[in-house]
C-alpha atoms as a PDB file:
ATOM      1  CA  MET A   1     207.752  56.627  56.336  1.00  0.00           C
ATOM      2  CA  SER A   2     205.825  58.805  58.667  1.00  0.00           C
ATOM      3  CA  ASN A   3     207.046  62.032  60.257  1.00  0.00           C
ATOM      4  CA  LEU A   4     210.265  62.112  58.266  1.00  0.00           C
ATOM      5  CA  ASN A   5     211.646  65.201  56.592  1.00  0.00           C
ATOM      6  CA  GLN A   6     213.919  65.273  53.536  1.00  0.00           C
ATOM      7  CA  TRP A   7     217.064  65.103  55.690  1.00  0.00           C
ATOM      8  CA  ASP A   8     215.746  62.017  57.495  1.00  0.00           C
ATOM      9  CA  ILE A   9     214.920  60.352  54.189  1.00  0.00           C
ATOM     10  CA  LYS A  10     218.378  61.175  52.794  1.00  0.00           C
ATOM     11  CA  GLN A  11     219.991  59.666  55.898  1.00  0.00           C
ATOM     12  CA  ILE A  12     217.943  56.479  55.501  1.00  0.00           C
ATOM     13  CA  ILE A  13     218.805  56.221  51.799  1.00  0.00           C
ATOM     14  CA  ASP A  14     222.512  56.721  52.538  1.00  0.00           C
ATOM     15  CA  VAL A  15     222.578  54.039  55.235  1.00  0.00           C
ATOM     16  CA  VAL A  16     220.561  51.559  53.165  1.00  0.00           C
ATOM     17  CA  SER A  17     222.745  52.212  50.118  1.00  0.00           C
ATOM     18  CA  LYS A  18     225.888  51.494  52.129  1.00  0.00           C
ATOM     19  CA  GLY A  19     224.284  48.363  53.562  1.00  0.00           C
ATOM     20  CA  ILE A  20     223.295  47.109  50.107  1.00  0.00           C
ATOM     21  CA  ASN A  21     226.792  47.785  48.769  1.00  0.00           C
ATOM     22  CA  SER A  22     228.249  45.831  51.681  1.00  0.00           C
ATOM     23  CA  ILE A  23     225.910  42.912  50.993  1.00  0.00           C
ATOM     24  CA  LEU A  24     226.784  42.943  47.289  1.00  0.00           C
ATOM     25  CA  MET A  25     230.500  42.970  48.084  1.00  0.00           C
ATOM     26  CA  SER A  26     230.187  39.915  50.332  1.00  0.00           C
ATOM     27  CA  LYS A  27     227.522  38.066  48.295  1.00  0.00           C
ATOM     28  CA  PRO A  28     227.719  39.205  44.641  1.00  0.00           C
ATOM     29  CA  ASP A  29     225.488  36.318  43.529  1.00  0.00           C
ATOM     30  CA  ILE A  30     222.539  37.327  45.770  1.00  0.00           C
ATOM     31  CA  SER A  31     219.163  37.327  44.015  1.00  0.00           C
ATOM     32  CA  ASP A  32     217.298  40.584  43.406  1.00  0.00           C
ATOM     33  CA  THR A  33     214.403  39.317  45.516  1.00  0.00           C
ATOM     34  CA  GLU A  34     216.642  38.548  48.485  1.00  0.00           C
ATOM     35  CA  LEU A  35     218.490  41.866  48.122  1.00  0.00           C
ATOM     36  CA  PHE A  36     215.179  43.761  48.008  1.00  0.00           C
ATOM     37  CA  GLY A  37     214.049  42.007  51.190  1.00  0.00           C
ATOM     38  CA  LYS A  38     217.274  42.931  52.956  1.00  0.00           C
ATOM     39  CA  ALA A  39     216.955  46.553  51.786  1.00  0.00           C
ATOM     40  CA  LYS A  40     213.407  46.753  53.177  1.00  0.00           C
ATOM     41  CA  THR A  41     214.640  45.351  56.476  1.00  0.00           C
ATOM     42  CA  LEU A  42     217.458  47.926  56.609  1.00  0.00           C
ATOM     43  CA  VAL A  43     214.936  50.743  56.012  1.00  0.00           C
ATOM     44  CA  LYS A  44     212.701  49.490  58.821  1.00  0.00           C
ATOM     45  CA  ILE A  45     215.600  49.128  61.251  1.00  0.00           C
ATOM     46  CA  TYR A  46     217.078  52.539  60.512  1.00  0.00           C
ATOM     47  CA  GLN A  47     213.683  54.258  60.555  1.00  0.00           C
ATOM     48  CA  GLN A  48     212.954  52.802  63.998  1.00  0.00           C
ATOM     49  CA  ILE A  49     216.362  53.885  65.310  1.00  0.00           C
ATOM     50  CA  LEU A  50     215.868  57.385  63.913  1.00  0.00           C
ATOM     51  CA  ASN A  51     212.380  57.669  65.424  1.00  0.00           C
ATOM     52  CA  GLU A  52     213.605  56.504  68.829  1.00  0.00           C
ATOM     53  CA  LEU A  53     216.518  58.940  68.769  1.00  0.00           C
ATOM     54  CA  LYS A  54     214.140  61.778  67.934  1.00  0.00           C
ATOM     55  CA  GLU A  55     211.907  60.863  70.875  1.00  0.00           C
ATOM     56  CA  ILE A  56     214.887  60.851  73.236  1.00  0.00           C
ATOM     57  CA  ASP A  57     216.157  64.162  71.855  1.00  0.00           C
ATOM     58  CA  ASN A  58     212.673  65.792  71.803  1.00  0.00           C
ATOM     59  CA  GLY A  59     212.629  65.969  68.009  1.00  0.00           C
ATOM     60  CA  THR A  60     215.782  68.058  67.652  1.00  0.00           C
ATOM     61  CA  LEU A  61     218.176  65.378  66.488  1.00  0.00           C
ATOM     62  CA  ASP A  62     221.140  66.896  64.652  1.00  0.00           C
ATOM     63  CA  PHE A  63     223.670  64.736  62.825  1.00  0.00           C
ATOM     64  CA  PRO A  64     227.184  66.153  62.502  1.00  0.00           C
ATOM     65  CA  ILE A  65     228.176  66.831  58.922  1.00  0.00           C
ATOM     66  CA  LYS A  66     231.683  65.884  57.875  1.00  0.00           C
ATOM     67  CA  ASP A  67     233.391  68.545  55.763  1.00  0.00           C
ATOM     68  CA  GLU A  68     234.907  66.614  52.823  1.00  0.00           C
ATOM     69  CA  SER A  69     236.723  69.700  51.482  1.00  0.00           C
ATOM     70  CA  LYS A  70     239.378  69.684  54.223  1.00  0.00           C
END
C-alpha cells in the first residue's frame, strides 16, 4: 500500500473487516482460501477508491468521525 498513512490503513482495515464479516454471515461455510481472496480484492478496491478521492481532493481527504459517546 503506497502513500498511505496510519489513518488510511485503519480505514482500509475497518472496511475490509466489515466486508469479511458480511461474507461470513451470508456464507459461513466459505473456505479460508476463498475468503482470503475476497479480502485481498476488498483491499484493492478500497485502496483505489481512497487514492482516487485523495487525487480529487488534492490530498486533503478528511473523513467525518462519528462520536459514539452521544
